[in-house]
C-alpha atoms as a PDB file:
ATOM      1  CA  UNK A   1      66.111  20.111  18.095  1.00  0.00           C
ATOM      2  CA  UNK A   2      63.992  22.643  18.192  1.00  0.00           C
ATOM      3  CA  UNK A   3      61.561  20.331  15.606  1.00  0.00           C
ATOM      4  CA  UNK A   4      61.694  18.006  18.784  1.00  0.00           C
ATOM      5  CA  UNK A   5      60.509  20.163  20.952  1.00  0.00           C
ATOM      6  CA  UNK A   6      56.657  20.969  18.949  1.00  0.00           C
ATOM      7  CA  UNK A   7      57.108  16.646  18.274  1.00  0.00           C
ATOM      8  CA  UNK A   8      57.424  16.182  22.128  1.00  0.00           C
ATOM      9  CA  UNK A   9      54.705  19.356  22.738  1.00  0.00           C
ATOM     10  CA  UNK A  10      52.373  17.547  20.300  1.00  0.00           C
ATOM     11  CA  UNK A  11      52.343  14.237  21.960  1.00  0.00           C
ATOM     12  CA  UNK A  12      52.057  15.603  25.006  1.00  0.00           C
ATOM     13  CA  UNK A  13      49.091  17.952  24.331  1.00  0.00           C
ATOM     14  CA  UNK A  14      47.509  15.115  22.411  1.00  0.00           C
ATOM     15  CA  UNK A  15      48.114  11.929  25.278  1.00  0.00           C
ATOM     16  CA  UNK A  16      46.341  14.926  28.066  1.00  0.00           C
ATOM     17  CA  UNK A  17      42.901  15.538  25.837  1.00  0.00           C
ATOM     18  CA  UNK A  18      42.778  11.381  25.587  1.00  0.00           C
ATOM     19  CA  UNK A  19      43.395  11.120  29.627  1.00  0.00           C
ATOM     20  CA  UNK A  20      41.025  14.432  29.703  1.00  0.00           C
ATOM     21  CA  UNK A  21      38.421  12.934  28.194  1.00  0.00           C
ATOM     22  CA  UNK A  22      38.621   8.898  28.211  1.00  0.00           C
ATOM     23  CA  UNK A  23      36.163   9.353  31.464  1.00  0.00           C
ATOM     24  CA  UNK A  24      32.986  10.938  28.526  1.00  0.00           C
ATOM     25  CA  UNK A  25      34.085   7.531  27.213  1.00  0.00           C
ATOM     26  CA  UNK A  26      33.036   5.112  29.390  1.00  0.00           C
ATOM     27  CA  UNK A  27      31.556   5.778  32.500  1.00  0.00           C
ATOM     28  CA  UNK A  28      28.768   4.363  34.907  1.00  0.00           C
ATOM     29  CA  UNK A  29      25.245   4.141  33.975  1.00  0.00           C
ATOM     30  CA  UNK A  30      21.934   3.065  33.112  1.00  0.00           C
ATOM     31  CA  UNK A  31      20.630   0.959  30.272  1.00  0.00           C
ATOM     32  CA  UNK A  32      18.281   1.438  28.605  1.00  0.00           C
ATOM     33  CA  UNK A  33      17.973   4.829  29.703  1.00  0.00           C
ATOM     34  CA  UNK A  34      14.773   5.778  29.729  1.00  0.00           C
ATOM     35  CA  UNK A  35      11.711   3.770  31.091  1.00  0.00           C
ATOM     36  CA  UNK A  36       7.838   5.111  31.220  1.00  0.00           C
ATOM     37  CA  UNK A  37       6.241   7.229  33.478  1.00  0.00           C
ATOM     38  CA  UNK A  38       4.519   6.042  36.184  1.00  0.00           C
ATOM     39  CA  UNK A  39       5.427   2.311  35.181  1.00  0.00           C
ATOM     40  CA  UNK A  40       7.851  -0.242  36.082  1.00  0.00           C
ATOM     41  CA  UNK A  41      10.566  -1.449  34.473  1.00  0.00           C
ATOM     42  CA  UNK A  42      14.179  -3.417  34.755  1.00  0.00           C
ATOM     43  CA  UNK A  43      17.625  -1.000  34.478  1.00  0.00           C
ATOM     44  CA  UNK A  44      21.305  -2.078  33.964  1.00  0.00           C
ATOM     45  CA  UNK A  45      23.630  -0.113  36.340  1.00  0.00           C
ATOM     46  CA  UNK A  46      26.339  -1.090  33.755  1.00  0.00           C
ATOM     47  CA  UNK A  47      29.536  -0.763  35.359  1.00  0.00           C
ATOM     48  CA  UNK A  48      33.329  -0.206  33.540  1.00  0.00           C
ATOM     49  CA  UNK A  49      36.967  -1.376  34.847  1.00  0.00           C
ATOM     50  CA  UNK A  50      38.499   2.025  33.452  1.00  0.00           C
ATOM     51  CA  UNK A  51      41.988   1.542  34.983  1.00  0.00           C
ATOM     52  CA  UNK A  52      44.729  -1.644  33.512  1.00  0.00           C
ATOM     53  CA  UNK A  53      46.023  -2.394  37.109  1.00  0.00           C
ATOM     54  CA  UNK A  54      43.244  -2.590  39.716  1.00  0.00           C
ATOM     55  CA  UNK A  55      39.494  -4.332  39.651  1.00  0.00           C
ATOM     56  CA  UNK A  56      36.644  -3.229  41.343  1.00  0.00           C
ATOM     57  CA  UNK A  57      35.649  -4.216  44.278  1.00  0.00           C
ATOM     58  CA  UNK A  58      32.368  -2.199  45.265  1.00  0.00           C
ATOM     59  CA  UNK A  59      28.990  -0.121  43.404  1.00  0.00           C
ATOM     60  CA  UNK A  60      27.368   1.921  45.418  1.00  0.00           C
ATOM     61  CA  UNK A  61      23.439   3.518  43.904  1.00  0.00           C
ATOM     62  CA  UNK A  62      21.763   6.755  45.673  1.00  0.00           C
ATOM     63  CA  UNK A  63      18.168   6.135  45.305  1.00  0.00           C
ATOM     64  CA  UNK A  64      16.832  10.055  44.951  1.00  0.00           C
ATOM     65  CA  UNK A  65      15.688  11.184  47.945  1.00  0.00           C
ATOM     66  CA  UNK A  66      12.865  13.621  46.390  1.00  0.00           C
ATOM     67  CA  UNK A  67      11.722  10.690  44.128  1.00  0.00           C
ATOM     68  CA  UNK A  68      10.826   7.640  46.292  1.00  0.00           C
ATOM     69  CA  UNK A  69      10.304   4.603  44.438  1.00  0.00           C
ATOM     70  CA  UNK A  70       7.825   1.828  46.309  1.00  0.00           C
ATOM     71  CA  UNK A  71       9.665  -1.244  45.061  1.00  0.00           C
ATOM     72  CA  UNK A  72      13.358  -1.136  44.099  1.00  0.00           C
ATOM     73  CA  UNK A  73      14.245  -5.359  44.211  1.00  0.00           C
ATOM     74  CA  UNK A  74      17.583  -5.968  43.087  1.00  0.00           C
ATOM     75  CA  UNK A  75      19.066  -9.292  40.720  1.00  0.00           C
ATOM     76  CA  UNK A  76      21.005 -11.612  42.311  1.00  0.00           C
ATOM     77  CA  UNK A  77      24.476 -11.389  40.308  1.00  0.00           C
ATOM     78  CA  UNK A  78      27.472 -14.497  41.112  1.00  0.00           C
ATOM     79  CA  UNK A  79      29.490 -14.332  43.427  1.00  0.00           C
ATOM     80  CA  UNK A  80      28.042 -10.300  44.836  1.00  0.00           C
ATOM     81  CA  UNK A  81      27.026  -9.446  47.911  1.00  0.00           C
ATOM     82  CA  UNK A  82      23.929  -7.176  47.731  1.00  0.00           C
ATOM     83  CA  UNK A  83      22.248  -5.376  50.153  1.00  0.00           C
ATOM     84  CA  UNK A  84      19.315  -2.162  50.534  1.00  0.00           C
ATOM     85  CA  UNK A  85      19.277   0.598  52.549  1.00  0.00           C
ATOM     86  CA  UNK A  86      16.365   2.455  53.430  1.00  0.00           C
ATOM     87  CA  UNK A  87      15.565   5.188  54.943  1.00  0.00           C
ATOM     88  CA  UNK A  88      12.060   6.869  56.572  1.00  0.00           C
ATOM     89  CA  UNK A  89      10.074   9.568  53.973  1.00  0.00           C
ATOM     90  CA  UNK A  90       8.675  12.910  54.887  1.00  0.00           C
ATOM     91  CA  UNK A  91       5.816  12.105  53.690  1.00  0.00           C
ATOM     92  CA  UNK A  92       3.927   9.458  53.137  1.00  0.00           C
ATOM     93  CA  UNK A  93       2.615   7.704  49.418  1.00  0.00           C
ATOM     94  CA  UNK A  94      -0.644   5.200  49.397  1.00  0.00           C
ATOM     95  CA  UNK A  95       0.284   2.426  46.804  1.00  0.00           C
ATOM     96  CA  UNK A  96      -2.553   0.170  45.608  1.00  0.00           C
ATOM     97  CA  UNK A  97      -4.897   0.753  48.584  1.00  0.00           C
ATOM     98  CA  UNK A  98      -1.711   0.581  51.163  1.00  0.00           C
ATOM     99  CA  UNK A  99       0.769   3.387  53.013  1.00  0.00           C
ATOM    100  CA  UNK A 100       4.330   3.168  52.617  1.00  0.00           C
ATOM    101  CA  UNK A 101       6.445   4.667  54.866  1.00  0.00           C
ATOM    102  CA  UNK A 102       9.868   4.584  53.788  1.00  0.00           C
ATOM    103  CA  UNK A 103      11.430   3.411  50.795  1.00  0.00           C
ATOM    104  CA  UNK A 104      15.238   2.741  49.315  1.00  0.00           C
ATOM    105  CA  UNK A 105      17.564   5.491  49.342  1.00  0.00           C
ATOM    106  CA  UNK A 106      20.658   3.014  47.814  1.00  0.00           C
ATOM    107  CA  UNK A 107      21.319  -0.179  46.258  1.00  0.00           C
ATOM    108  CA  UNK A 108      24.902  -1.732  47.020  1.00  0.00           C
ATOM    109  CA  UNK A 109      27.378  -4.073  45.531  1.00  0.00           C
ATOM    110  CA  UNK A 110      30.589  -5.694  47.321  1.00  0.00           C
ATOM    111  CA  UNK A 111      32.743  -8.768  47.150  1.00  0.00           C
ATOM    112  CA  UNK A 112      32.460  -9.101  43.903  1.00  0.00           C
ATOM    113  CA  UNK A 113      35.157  -8.063  40.883  1.00  0.00           C
ATOM    114  CA  UNK A 114      35.773  -5.813  37.998  1.00  0.00           C
ATOM    115  CA  UNK A 115      39.054  -7.421  36.279  1.00  0.00           C
ATOM    116  CA  UNK A 116      40.491  -4.181  33.862  1.00  0.00           C
ATOM    117  CA  UNK A 117      39.306  -4.236  30.548  1.00  0.00           C
ATOM    118  CA  UNK A 118      35.633  -5.840  32.088  1.00  0.00           C
ATOM    119  CA  UNK A 119      32.376  -4.700  32.726  1.00  0.00           C
ATOM    120  CA  UNK A 120      29.881  -5.628  34.651  1.00  0.00           C
ATOM    121  CA  UNK A 121      25.833  -4.948  34.850  1.00  0.00           C
ATOM    122  CA  UNK A 122      23.858  -4.829  37.707  1.00  0.00           C
ATOM    123  CA  UNK A 123      20.007  -5.587  37.256  1.00  0.00           C
ATOM    124  CA  UNK A 124      17.158  -3.674  39.864  1.00  0.00           C
ATOM    125  CA  UNK A 125      14.392  -3.829  39.440  1.00  0.00           C
ATOM    126  CA  UNK A 126      11.861  -0.146  40.223  1.00  0.00           C
ATOM    127  CA  UNK A 127       8.814   1.275  39.719  1.00  0.00           C
ATOM    128  CA  UNK A 128       6.819   2.820  39.863  1.00  0.00           C
ATOM    129  CA  UNK A 129       8.654   5.875  38.307  1.00  0.00           C
ATOM    130  CA  UNK A 130       7.295   9.424  38.831  1.00  0.00           C
ATOM    131  CA  UNK A 131       4.856  10.862  36.804  1.00  0.00           C
ATOM    132  CA  UNK A 132       5.499  14.462  36.757  1.00  0.00           C
ATOM    133  CA  UNK A 133       9.170  13.593  36.131  1.00  0.00           C
ATOM    134  CA  UNK A 134      11.850  14.299  32.792  1.00  0.00           C
ATOM    135  CA  UNK A 135      14.571  11.478  34.509  1.00  0.00           C
ATOM    136  CA  UNK A 136      15.386  10.509  37.375  1.00  0.00           C
ATOM    137  CA  UNK A 137      19.184  10.161  38.165  1.00  0.00           C
ATOM    138  CA  UNK A 138      21.942   7.964  40.701  1.00  0.00           C
ATOM    139  CA  UNK A 139      24.605   9.140  41.695  1.00  0.00           C
ATOM    140  CA  UNK A 140      26.787   5.860  41.638  1.00  0.00           C
ATOM    141  CA  UNK A 141      29.970   5.285  43.627  1.00  0.00           C
ATOM    142  CA  UNK A 142      32.537   3.271  42.078  1.00  0.00           C
ATOM    143  CA  UNK A 143      35.822   1.787  44.635  1.00  0.00           C
ATOM    144  CA  UNK A 144      38.960  -0.102  43.220  1.00  0.00           C
ATOM    145  CA  UNK A 145      41.012  -2.748  44.909  1.00  0.00           C
ATOM    146  CA  UNK A 146      43.056  -0.511  45.522  1.00  0.00           C
ATOM    147  CA  UNK A 147      41.422   2.005  47.984  1.00  0.00           C
ATOM    148  CA  UNK A 148      40.637   4.712  44.994  1.00  0.00           C
ATOM    149  CA  UNK A 149      37.410   5.053  44.871  1.00  0.00           C
ATOM    150  CA  UNK A 150      35.324   7.378  41.724  1.00  0.00           C
ATOM    151  CA  UNK A 151      32.547   9.025  42.393  1.00  0.00           C
ATOM    152  CA  UNK A 152      30.260   9.034  39.462  1.00  0.00           C
ATOM    153  CA  UNK A 153      27.301  12.382  41.004  1.00  0.00           C
ATOM    154  CA  UNK A 154      27.945  15.114  38.312  1.00  0.00           C
ATOM    155  CA  UNK A 155      24.554  16.374  36.836  1.00  0.00           C
ATOM    156  CA  UNK A 156      24.834  17.567  33.137  1.00  0.00           C
ATOM    157  CA  UNK A 157      23.891  21.218  32.831  1.00  0.00           C
ATOM    158  CA  UNK A 158      21.922  22.039  29.541  1.00  0.00           C
ATOM    159  CA  UNK A 159      24.542  23.084  27.060  1.00  0.00           C
ATOM    160  CA  UNK A 160      26.802  22.609  28.842  1.00  0.00           C
ATOM    161  CA  UNK A 161      30.021  20.312  28.322  1.00  0.00           C
ATOM    162  CA  UNK A 162      29.708  16.906  30.029  1.00  0.00           C
ATOM    163  CA  UNK A 163      30.734  16.462  33.424  1.00  0.00           C
ATOM    164  CA  UNK A 164      34.444  14.391  33.907  1.00  0.00           C
ATOM    165  CA  UNK A 165      32.693  11.609  36.476  1.00  0.00           C
ATOM    166  CA  UNK A 166      28.797  12.244  34.724  1.00  0.00           C
ATOM    167  CA  UNK A 167      26.290  10.833  37.342  1.00  0.00           C
ATOM    168  CA  UNK A 168      24.361   7.723  36.429  1.00  0.00           C
ATOM    169  CA  UNK A 169      20.386   9.774  34.467  1.00  0.00           C
ATOM    170  CA  UNK A 170      17.330   8.151  33.231  1.00  0.00           C
ATOM    171  CA  UNK A 171      15.063   9.622  30.798  1.00  0.00           C
ATOM    172  CA  UNK A 172      11.350   9.100  32.250  1.00  0.00           C
ATOM    173  CA  UNK A 173       8.739   9.411  28.364  1.00  0.00           C
ATOM    174  CA  UNK A 174       5.078   8.962  28.371  1.00  0.00           C
ATOM    175  CA  UNK A 175       2.659   6.689  28.944  1.00  0.00           C
ATOM    176  CA  UNK A 176       1.947   5.999  25.067  1.00  0.00           C
ATOM    177  CA  UNK A 177      -1.456   5.458  25.783  1.00  0.00           C
ATOM    178  CA  UNK A 178      -2.825   8.487  23.366  1.00  0.00           C
ATOM    179  CA  UNK A 179      -2.132   6.010  20.846  1.00  0.00           C
ATOM    180  CA  UNK A 180      -4.018   3.331  21.875  1.00  0.00           C
ATOM    181  CA  UNK A 181      -7.098   6.270  22.912  1.00  0.00           C
ATOM    182  CA  UNK A 182      -6.267   7.460  19.289  1.00  0.00           C
ATOM    183  CA  UNK A 183      -6.875   3.730  18.123  1.00  0.00           C
ATOM    184  CA  UNK A 184      -9.299   2.769  19.725  1.00  0.00           C
ATOM    185  CA  UNK A 185     -11.321   5.475  18.454  1.00  0.00           C
ATOM    186  CA  UNK A 186     -10.561   5.159  14.589  1.00  0.00           C
ATOM    187  CA  UNK A 187     -11.952   1.387  16.138  1.00  0.00           C
ATOM    188  CA  UNK A 188     -15.159   2.699  17.011  1.00  0.00           C
ATOM    189  CA  UNK A 189     -15.709   4.972  14.088  1.00  0.00           C
ATOM    190  CA  UNK A 190     -15.002   2.260  11.733  1.00  0.00           C
ATOM    191  CA  UNK A 191     -17.508   0.592  13.318  1.00  0.00           C
ATOM    192  CA  UNK A 192     -20.288   3.039  12.604  1.00  0.00           C
ATOM    193  CA  UNK A 193     -19.002   3.648   9.657  1.00  0.00           C
ATOM    194  CA  UNK A 194     -19.544  -0.322   9.213  1.00  0.00           C
ATOM    195  CA  UNK A 195     -23.462   0.125  11.083  1.00  0.00           C
ATOM    196  CA  UNK A 196     -23.622   2.905   8.811  1.00  0.00           C
ATOM    197  CA  UNK A 197     -23.246   0.733   5.060  1.00  0.00           C
ATOM    198  CA  UNK A 198     -24.127  -2.071   6.428  1.00  0.00           C
ATOM    199  CA  UNK A 199     -28.353   0.160   6.776  1.00  0.00           C
ATOM    200  CA  UNK A 200     -27.010   1.696   3.240  1.00  0.00           C
ATOM    201  CA  UNK A 201     -26.491  -2.138   2.097  1.00  0.00           C
ATOM    202  CA  UNK A 202     -30.091  -3.190   4.275  1.00  0.00           C
ATOM    203  CA  UNK A 203     -32.631  -0.786   2.754  1.00  0.00           C
ATOM    204  CA  UNK A 204     -31.280  -0.741  -0.638  1.00  0.00           C
ATOM    205  CA  UNK A 205     -32.004  -4.178   0.004  1.00  0.00           C
ATOM    206  CA  UNK A 206     -36.084  -3.805   0.187  1.00  0.00           C
ATOM    207  CA  UNK A 207     -36.861  -1.024  -2.010  1.00  0.00           C
ATOM    208  CA  UNK A 208     -34.889  -3.204  -4.706  1.00  0.00           C
ATOM    209  CA  UNK A 209     -37.116  -6.257  -3.450  1.00  0.00           C
ATOM    210  CA  UNK A 210     -40.344  -3.445  -3.286  1.00  0.00           C
ATOM    211  CA  UNK A 211     -39.624  -2.538  -6.602  1.00  0.00           C
ATOM    212  CA  UNK A 212     -39.590  -6.260  -7.577  1.00  0.00           C
ATOM    213  CA  UNK A 213     -42.677  -7.191  -6.077  1.00  0.00           C
ATOM    214  CA  UNK A 214     -44.003  -4.252  -7.504  1.00  0.00           C
ATOM    215  CA  UNK A 215     -43.013  -5.839 -11.346  1.00  0.00           C
ATOM    216  CA  UNK A 216     -44.338  -9.413 -10.552  1.00  0.00           C
ATOM    217  CA  UNK A 217     -47.133  -7.913  -9.233  1.00  0.00           C
ATOM    218  CA  UNK A 218     -48.095  -5.286 -12.698  1.00  0.00           C
ATOM    219  CA  UNK A 219     -46.825  -8.391 -14.291  1.00  0.00           C
ATOM    220  CA  UNK A 220     -48.918 -11.013 -12.783  1.00  0.00           C
ATOM    221  CA  UNK A 221     -52.144  -8.425 -13.436  1.00  0.00           C
ATOM    222  CA  UNK A 222     -51.623  -7.801 -16.892  1.00  0.00           C
ATOM    223  CA  UNK A 223     -50.677 -11.975 -17.339  1.00  0.00           C
ATOM    224  CA  UNK A 224     -54.575 -12.002 -16.020  1.00  0.00           C
ATOM    225  CA  UNK A 225     -55.411  -9.209 -18.476  1.00  0.00           C
ATOM    226  CA  UNK A 226     -54.825 -10.783 -20.958  1.00  0.00           C
ATOM    227  CA  UNK A 227     -55.749 -14.630 -20.662  1.00  0.00           C
ATOM    228  CA  UNK A 228     -59.436 -12.190 -19.749  1.00  0.00           C
ATOM    229  CA  UNK A 229     -59.073 -10.713 -23.054  1.00  0.00           C
ATOM    230  CA  UNK A 230     -58.509 -14.325 -24.346  1.00  0.00           C
ATOM    231  CA  UNK A 231     -61.590 -15.727 -22.974  1.00  0.00           C
ATOM    232  CA  UNK A 232     -63.662 -12.918 -24.078  1.00  0.00           C
ATOM    233  CA  UNK A 233     -62.451 -13.220 -27.927  1.00  0.00           C
ATOM    234  CA  UNK A 234     -62.902 -17.204 -28.353  1.00  0.00           C
ATOM    235  CA  UNK A 235     -66.391 -16.906 -26.196  1.00  0.00           C
ATOM    236  CA  UNK A 236     -67.411 -14.200 -29.683  1.00  0.00           C
ATOM    237  CA  UNK A 237     -65.701 -16.016 -31.748  1.00  0.00           C
ATOM    238  CA  UNK A 238     -68.460 -19.364 -31.560  1.00  0.00           C
ATOM    239  CA  UNK A 239     -70.542 -16.279 -31.822  1.00  0.00           C
ATOM    240  CA  UNK A 240     -70.067 -15.654 -34.482  1.00  0.00           C
ATOM    241  CA  UNK A 241     -69.648 -19.576 -36.361  1.00  0.00           C
ATOM    242  CA  UNK A 242     -73.277 -20.994 -34.898  1.00  0.00           C
END
């Protein structure tokens, strides 16, 4: 009897762990998980259905107001209706010579259905991404057809376990312009080195040509001297014979 109670308690504890840890394995997230600072990107909000007896029928994604994006364009998804909500900015932005007074603060998809055991991706083109931040946090609300609402709004803290309902996070990485700059410098250095080599080769060629010309002149003079010597010898021989 005691053994049965212990087994039942162990099974109950294991089941509780699985239930509590389930959100960590399947939650609303951003794919790809990173983008370039100061650039434009297409990101997907991936929404899995975590329920066995209900379908997801709505997704709301809030964009951080303190990191306003001047361009947010959701892609049409068959069966879903999308609405974009904008808010006025406390401090206007200037982009491409234009002053921007408002930015997108929420995008909502509704009318569709994500059935149990399936997921849906919601693509959005965004930009210009912040240049002075390492990440963007998007708070999402998932609604089921049984009126259940799951709020994916908890922000992860460094050194702490992952929250039960974490907010989607887009990490921002530095642009790779430095690599291109280094490559350009290398090409310039190579060109300079090549120019030096070409100049050295040219100088060597000139020196060789000068040496060859000097040798040819010396041989020519020597030939003339020998020729004159032969003529003189012939004249002297004739005189002796006479």
